[in-house]
């Protein structure tokens, strides 16, 4: 949460409230900022991931705004083979890393 804040340094646009018992992996903001400043490879992957999230959100907003303008919304926006293979590989790696964290980091 607060990924946009890493782009423009303003407070988060939204908050989240759990409606049931939830486990949360939290990284102190200051600790993450230090990691971003000291590890350019990590920073590059971090900001690339944020850019993918924001691009997806922007596409969803545009689809929502254009709703009803003779656009066939039932058509998939893109086929899997249209996605850059490097992006798919990075997403698979990110998913594997996240799953490892979820399994190995105990609260």
N, C-alpha and C. Protein backbone atom coordinates (compact mmCIF):
# COMPACT_ATOMS: atom_id res chain seq x y z
N UNK A 1 0.84 -1.18 0.00
CA UNK A 1 0.00 0.00 0.00
C UNK A 1 0.88 1.23 0.00
N UNK A 2 0.45 2.22 -0.72
CA UNK A 2 1.21 3.45 -0.77
C UNK A 2 2.25 3.49 -1.87
N UNK A 3 2.07 2.63 -2.90
CA UNK A 3 3.07 2.58 -3.96
C UNK A 3 3.19 3.89 -4.72
N UNK A 4 2.10 4.62 -4.86
CA UNK A 4 2.17 5.92 -5.56
C UNK A 4 3.04 6.89 -4.78
N UNK A 5 3.06 6.76 -3.47
CA UNK A 5 3.87 7.65 -2.63
C UNK A 5 5.36 7.51 -2.90
N UNK A 6 5.78 6.37 -3.43
CA UNK A 6 7.19 6.21 -3.78
C UNK A 6 7.53 6.94 -5.08
N UNK A 7 6.51 7.33 -5.82
CA UNK A 7 6.72 8.08 -7.06
C UNK A 7 6.69 9.58 -6.78
N UNK A 8 5.68 10.05 -6.04
CA UNK A 8 5.53 11.50 -5.86
C UNK A 8 5.77 11.99 -4.43
N UNK A 9 6.10 11.11 -3.50
CA UNK A 9 6.46 11.45 -2.11
C UNK A 9 5.33 12.13 -1.33
N UNK A 10 4.10 12.00 -1.80
CA UNK A 10 2.97 12.52 -1.04
C UNK A 10 2.34 11.39 -0.24
N UNK A 11 1.46 11.71 0.69
CA UNK A 11 0.82 10.66 1.50
C UNK A 11 0.02 9.70 0.61
N UNK A 12 -0.19 8.47 1.09
CA UNK A 12 -0.98 7.50 0.32
C UNK A 12 -2.36 8.02 -0.02
N UNK A 13 -2.87 7.55 -1.17
CA UNK A 13 -4.20 7.97 -1.64
C UNK A 13 -5.33 7.19 -0.97
N UNK A 14 -5.00 6.03 -0.40
CA UNK A 14 -6.04 5.17 0.17
C UNK A 14 -5.52 4.51 1.43
N UNK A 15 -6.46 4.00 2.20
CA UNK A 15 -6.12 3.20 3.36
C UNK A 15 -6.86 1.87 3.23
N UNK A 16 -6.41 0.90 3.97
CA UNK A 16 -7.02 -0.43 3.93
C UNK A 16 -7.39 -0.83 5.34
N UNK A 17 -8.57 -1.41 5.48
CA UNK A 17 -9.02 -1.90 6.77
C UNK A 17 -9.48 -3.34 6.57
N UNK A 18 -8.89 -4.25 7.32
CA UNK A 18 -9.24 -5.66 7.22
C UNK A 18 -10.60 -5.90 7.87
N UNK A 19 -11.40 -6.75 7.25
CA UNK A 19 -12.71 -7.08 7.81
C UNK A 19 -12.68 -8.42 8.53
N UNK A 20 -11.52 -9.10 8.47
CA UNK A 20 -11.34 -10.34 9.21
C UNK A 20 -9.88 -10.43 9.63
N UNK A 21 -9.57 -11.43 10.46
CA UNK A 21 -8.19 -11.57 10.92
C UNK A 21 -7.27 -11.71 9.71
N UNK A 22 -6.19 -10.93 9.73
CA UNK A 22 -5.30 -10.86 8.58
C UNK A 22 -3.85 -10.88 9.02
N UNK A 23 -3.01 -11.54 8.25
CA UNK A 23 -1.57 -11.52 8.47
C UNK A 23 -0.98 -10.54 7.48
N UNK A 24 -0.10 -9.70 7.97
CA UNK A 24 0.46 -8.64 7.15
C UNK A 24 1.97 -8.65 7.26
N UNK A 25 2.63 -8.59 6.14
CA UNK A 25 4.07 -8.44 6.10
C UNK A 25 4.35 -6.96 5.90
N UNK A 26 4.91 -6.31 6.91
CA UNK A 26 5.16 -4.87 6.83
C UNK A 26 6.66 -4.61 6.83
N UNK A 27 7.07 -3.74 5.95
CA UNK A 27 8.47 -3.31 5.88
C UNK A 27 8.47 -1.83 6.25
N UNK A 28 9.20 -1.45 7.29
CA UNK A 28 9.23 -0.03 7.65
C UNK A 28 9.68 0.83 6.46
N UNK A 29 8.97 1.90 6.21
CA UNK A 29 9.24 2.76 5.06
C UNK A 29 10.70 3.20 5.02
N UNK A 30 11.23 3.61 6.16
CA UNK A 30 12.62 4.09 6.20
C UNK A 30 13.60 2.99 5.77
N UNK A 31 13.34 1.77 6.23
CA UNK A 31 14.19 0.64 5.86
C UNK A 31 14.13 0.39 4.36
N UNK A 32 12.95 0.48 3.77
CA UNK A 32 12.80 0.28 2.33
C UNK A 32 13.50 1.40 1.56
N UNK A 33 13.39 2.63 2.02
CA UNK A 33 14.05 3.76 1.36
C UNK A 33 15.57 3.57 1.37
N UNK A 34 16.10 3.13 2.50
CA UNK A 34 17.55 2.90 2.58
C UNK A 34 17.96 1.81 1.58
N UNK A 35 17.19 0.74 1.50
CA UNK A 35 17.48 -0.34 0.55
C UNK A 35 17.43 0.20 -0.88
N UNK A 36 16.44 1.01 -1.21
CA UNK A 36 16.33 1.58 -2.55
C UNK A 36 17.53 2.48 -2.88
N UNK A 37 18.01 3.22 -1.90
CA UNK A 37 19.14 4.13 -2.13
C UNK A 37 20.46 3.38 -2.27
N UNK A 38 20.59 2.23 -1.62
CA UNK A 38 21.87 1.52 -1.59
C UNK A 38 21.97 0.35 -2.56
N UNK A 39 20.88 -0.06 -3.17
CA UNK A 39 20.89 -1.23 -4.06
C UNK A 39 20.17 -0.86 -5.36
N UNK A 40 20.94 -0.44 -6.35
CA UNK A 40 20.36 0.03 -7.61
C UNK A 40 19.61 -1.08 -8.36
N UNK A 41 20.10 -2.32 -8.27
CA UNK A 41 19.39 -3.42 -8.92
C UNK A 41 18.02 -3.63 -8.31
N UNK A 42 17.97 -3.62 -6.98
CA UNK A 42 16.69 -3.75 -6.28
C UNK A 42 15.79 -2.57 -6.62
N UNK A 43 16.34 -1.36 -6.60
CA UNK A 43 15.55 -0.16 -6.89
C UNK A 43 14.96 -0.24 -8.30
N UNK A 44 15.76 -0.70 -9.24
CA UNK A 44 15.29 -0.81 -10.62
C UNK A 44 14.11 -1.77 -10.71
N UNK A 45 14.23 -2.93 -10.08
CA UNK A 45 13.14 -3.91 -10.11
C UNK A 45 11.92 -3.41 -9.34
N UNK A 46 12.15 -2.74 -8.23
CA UNK A 46 11.07 -2.20 -7.42
C UNK A 46 10.24 -1.18 -8.22
N UNK A 47 10.92 -0.22 -8.82
CA UNK A 47 10.20 0.81 -9.57
C UNK A 47 9.59 0.26 -10.86
N UNK A 48 10.22 -0.75 -11.44
CA UNK A 48 9.63 -1.39 -12.61
C UNK A 48 8.32 -2.07 -12.21
N UNK A 49 8.31 -2.74 -11.06
CA UNK A 49 7.09 -3.36 -10.57
C UNK A 49 5.99 -2.35 -10.31
N UNK A 50 6.36 -1.23 -9.71
CA UNK A 50 5.38 -0.16 -9.47
C UNK A 50 4.84 0.35 -10.80
N UNK A 51 5.71 0.52 -11.78
CA UNK A 51 5.25 1.04 -13.08
C UNK A 51 4.27 0.07 -13.73
N UNK A 52 4.48 -1.24 -13.59
CA UNK A 52 3.53 -2.21 -14.14
C UNK A 52 2.18 -2.11 -13.44
N UNK A 53 2.20 -1.96 -12.11
CA UNK A 53 0.94 -1.81 -11.36
C UNK A 53 0.19 -0.56 -11.78
N UNK A 54 0.91 0.55 -11.88
CA UNK A 54 0.27 1.81 -12.24
C UNK A 54 -0.23 1.79 -13.68
N UNK A 55 0.51 1.16 -14.59
CA UNK A 55 0.06 1.06 -15.98
C UNK A 55 -1.23 0.25 -16.05
N UNK A 56 -1.30 -0.85 -15.29
CA UNK A 56 -2.50 -1.67 -15.28
C UNK A 56 -3.68 -0.88 -14.72
N UNK A 57 -3.44 -0.13 -13.66
CA UNK A 57 -4.50 0.68 -13.06
C UNK A 57 -4.98 1.76 -14.05
N UNK A 58 -4.03 2.37 -14.76
CA UNK A 58 -4.39 3.39 -15.74
C UNK A 58 -5.23 2.80 -16.87
N UNK A 59 -4.85 1.63 -17.35
CA UNK A 59 -5.64 0.97 -18.41
C UNK A 59 -7.06 0.68 -17.92
N UNK A 60 -7.18 0.22 -16.67
CA UNK A 60 -8.50 -0.04 -16.12
C UNK A 60 -9.34 1.22 -16.02
N UNK A 61 -8.72 2.32 -15.63
CA UNK A 61 -9.44 3.59 -15.53
C UNK A 61 -9.90 4.04 -16.91
N UNK A 62 -9.03 3.91 -17.89
CA UNK A 62 -9.39 4.32 -19.25
C UNK A 62 -10.52 3.46 -19.78
N UNK A 63 -10.45 2.14 -19.53
CA UNK A 63 -11.56 1.26 -19.96
C UNK A 63 -12.86 1.68 -19.30
N UNK A 64 -12.79 2.04 -18.02
CA UNK A 64 -13.99 2.45 -17.29
C UNK A 64 -14.56 3.75 -17.89
N UNK A 65 -13.71 4.71 -18.17
CA UNK A 65 -14.15 5.99 -18.74
C UNK A 65 -14.77 5.79 -20.11
N UNK A 66 -14.21 4.88 -20.89
CA UNK A 66 -14.69 4.67 -22.26
C UNK A 66 -15.87 3.72 -22.33
N UNK A 67 -16.34 3.25 -21.19
CA UNK A 67 -17.46 2.31 -21.18
C UNK A 67 -18.65 2.91 -21.92
N UNK A 68 -19.20 2.13 -22.85
CA UNK A 68 -20.37 2.58 -23.58
C UNK A 68 -20.07 3.39 -24.83
N UNK A 69 -18.84 3.50 -25.23
CA UNK A 69 -18.48 4.26 -26.43
C UNK A 69 -18.20 3.34 -27.61
N UNK A 70 -19.09 2.39 -27.85
CA UNK A 70 -18.93 1.45 -28.95
C UNK A 70 -17.62 0.67 -28.88
N UNK A 71 -17.20 0.37 -27.71
CA UNK A 71 -16.01 -0.45 -27.52
C UNK A 71 -16.48 -1.81 -27.03
N UNK A 72 -15.98 -2.84 -27.65
CA UNK A 72 -16.37 -4.18 -27.24
C UNK A 72 -15.56 -4.57 -26.02
N UNK A 73 -16.12 -4.38 -24.84
CA UNK A 73 -15.40 -4.66 -23.60
C UNK A 73 -15.29 -6.15 -23.31
N UNK A 74 -16.08 -6.95 -24.03
CA UNK A 74 -15.99 -8.39 -23.80
C UNK A 74 -14.73 -8.98 -24.43
N UNK A 75 -14.10 -8.25 -25.34
CA UNK A 75 -12.88 -8.71 -25.98
C UNK A 75 -11.72 -8.56 -25.01
N UNK A 76 -10.85 -9.57 -24.91
CA UNK A 76 -9.68 -9.40 -24.05
C UNK A 76 -8.80 -8.29 -24.60
N UNK A 77 -8.22 -7.50 -23.71
CA UNK A 77 -7.39 -6.37 -24.13
C UNK A 77 -6.17 -6.83 -24.89
N UNK A 78 -5.62 -7.96 -24.49
CA UNK A 78 -4.46 -8.50 -25.16
C UNK A 78 -4.41 -10.00 -24.93
N UNK A 79 -3.73 -10.66 -25.79
CA UNK A 79 -3.52 -12.09 -25.63
C UNK A 79 -2.21 -12.30 -24.89
N UNK A 80 -2.07 -13.41 -24.23
CA UNK A 80 -0.86 -13.71 -23.46
C UNK A 80 0.39 -13.62 -24.34
N UNK A 81 0.28 -14.05 -25.59
CA UNK A 81 1.46 -14.02 -26.46
C UNK A 81 1.84 -12.59 -26.87
N UNK A 82 0.97 -11.62 -26.64
CA UNK A 82 1.29 -10.22 -26.95
C UNK A 82 2.17 -9.58 -25.88
N UNK A 83 2.28 -10.22 -24.72
CA UNK A 83 3.05 -9.66 -23.62
C UNK A 83 4.52 -9.98 -23.84
N UNK A 84 5.37 -9.02 -23.57
CA UNK A 84 6.81 -9.20 -23.67
C UNK A 84 7.22 -10.39 -22.80
N UNK A 85 7.92 -11.38 -23.38
CA UNK A 85 8.32 -12.57 -22.60
C UNK A 85 9.15 -12.22 -21.37
N UNK A 86 9.94 -11.16 -21.42
CA UNK A 86 10.72 -10.75 -20.25
C UNK A 86 9.81 -10.31 -19.12
N UNK A 87 8.72 -9.65 -19.45
CA UNK A 87 7.76 -9.22 -18.43
C UNK A 87 7.13 -10.45 -17.78
N UNK A 88 6.73 -11.43 -18.58
CA UNK A 88 6.14 -12.64 -18.03
C UNK A 88 7.13 -13.37 -17.12
N UNK A 89 8.39 -13.43 -17.54
CA UNK A 89 9.41 -14.08 -16.73
C UNK A 89 9.60 -13.34 -15.40
N UNK A 90 9.63 -12.00 -15.46
CA UNK A 90 9.79 -11.21 -14.24
C UNK A 90 8.60 -11.37 -13.31
N UNK A 91 7.39 -11.45 -13.88
CA UNK A 91 6.20 -11.62 -13.05
C UNK A 91 6.23 -12.99 -12.36
N UNK A 92 6.66 -14.00 -13.09
CA UNK A 92 6.75 -15.34 -12.50
C UNK A 92 7.79 -15.36 -11.38
N UNK A 93 8.91 -14.69 -11.59
CA UNK A 93 9.95 -14.62 -10.56
C UNK A 93 9.44 -13.86 -9.34
N UNK A 94 8.75 -12.75 -9.57
CA UNK A 94 8.20 -11.96 -8.46
C UNK A 94 7.19 -12.80 -7.67
N UNK A 95 6.36 -13.55 -8.38
CA UNK A 95 5.38 -14.40 -7.69
C UNK A 95 6.09 -15.46 -6.84
N UNK A 96 7.13 -16.07 -7.38
CA UNK A 96 7.87 -17.08 -6.63
C UNK A 96 8.52 -16.47 -5.38
N UNK A 97 9.11 -15.30 -5.52
CA UNK A 97 9.73 -14.64 -4.38
C UNK A 97 8.70 -14.28 -3.32
N UNK A 98 7.55 -13.77 -3.76
CA UNK A 98 6.50 -13.41 -2.81
C UNK A 98 6.01 -14.65 -2.07
N UNK A 99 5.80 -15.73 -2.79
CA UNK A 99 5.33 -16.96 -2.15
C UNK A 99 6.36 -17.48 -1.16
N UNK A 100 7.65 -17.38 -1.51
CA UNK A 100 8.69 -17.79 -0.57
C UNK A 100 8.64 -16.94 0.69
N UNK A 101 8.51 -15.62 0.52
CA UNK A 101 8.42 -14.72 1.68
C UNK A 101 7.23 -15.09 2.56
N UNK A 102 6.10 -15.31 1.92
CA UNK A 102 4.87 -15.63 2.66
C UNK A 102 5.03 -16.91 3.47
N UNK A 103 5.72 -17.89 2.91
CA UNK A 103 5.90 -19.17 3.59
C UNK A 103 6.98 -19.14 4.66
N UNK A 104 8.01 -18.29 4.49
CA UNK A 104 9.18 -18.34 5.36
C UNK A 104 9.28 -17.21 6.38
N UNK A 105 8.52 -16.18 6.24
CA UNK A 105 8.55 -15.09 7.19
C UNK A 105 7.40 -15.28 8.17
N UNK A 106 7.75 -15.47 9.39
CA UNK A 106 6.73 -15.72 10.42
C UNK A 106 6.52 -14.46 11.24
N UNK A 107 5.26 -14.18 11.52
CA UNK A 107 4.92 -12.99 12.30
C UNK A 107 5.12 -13.24 13.77
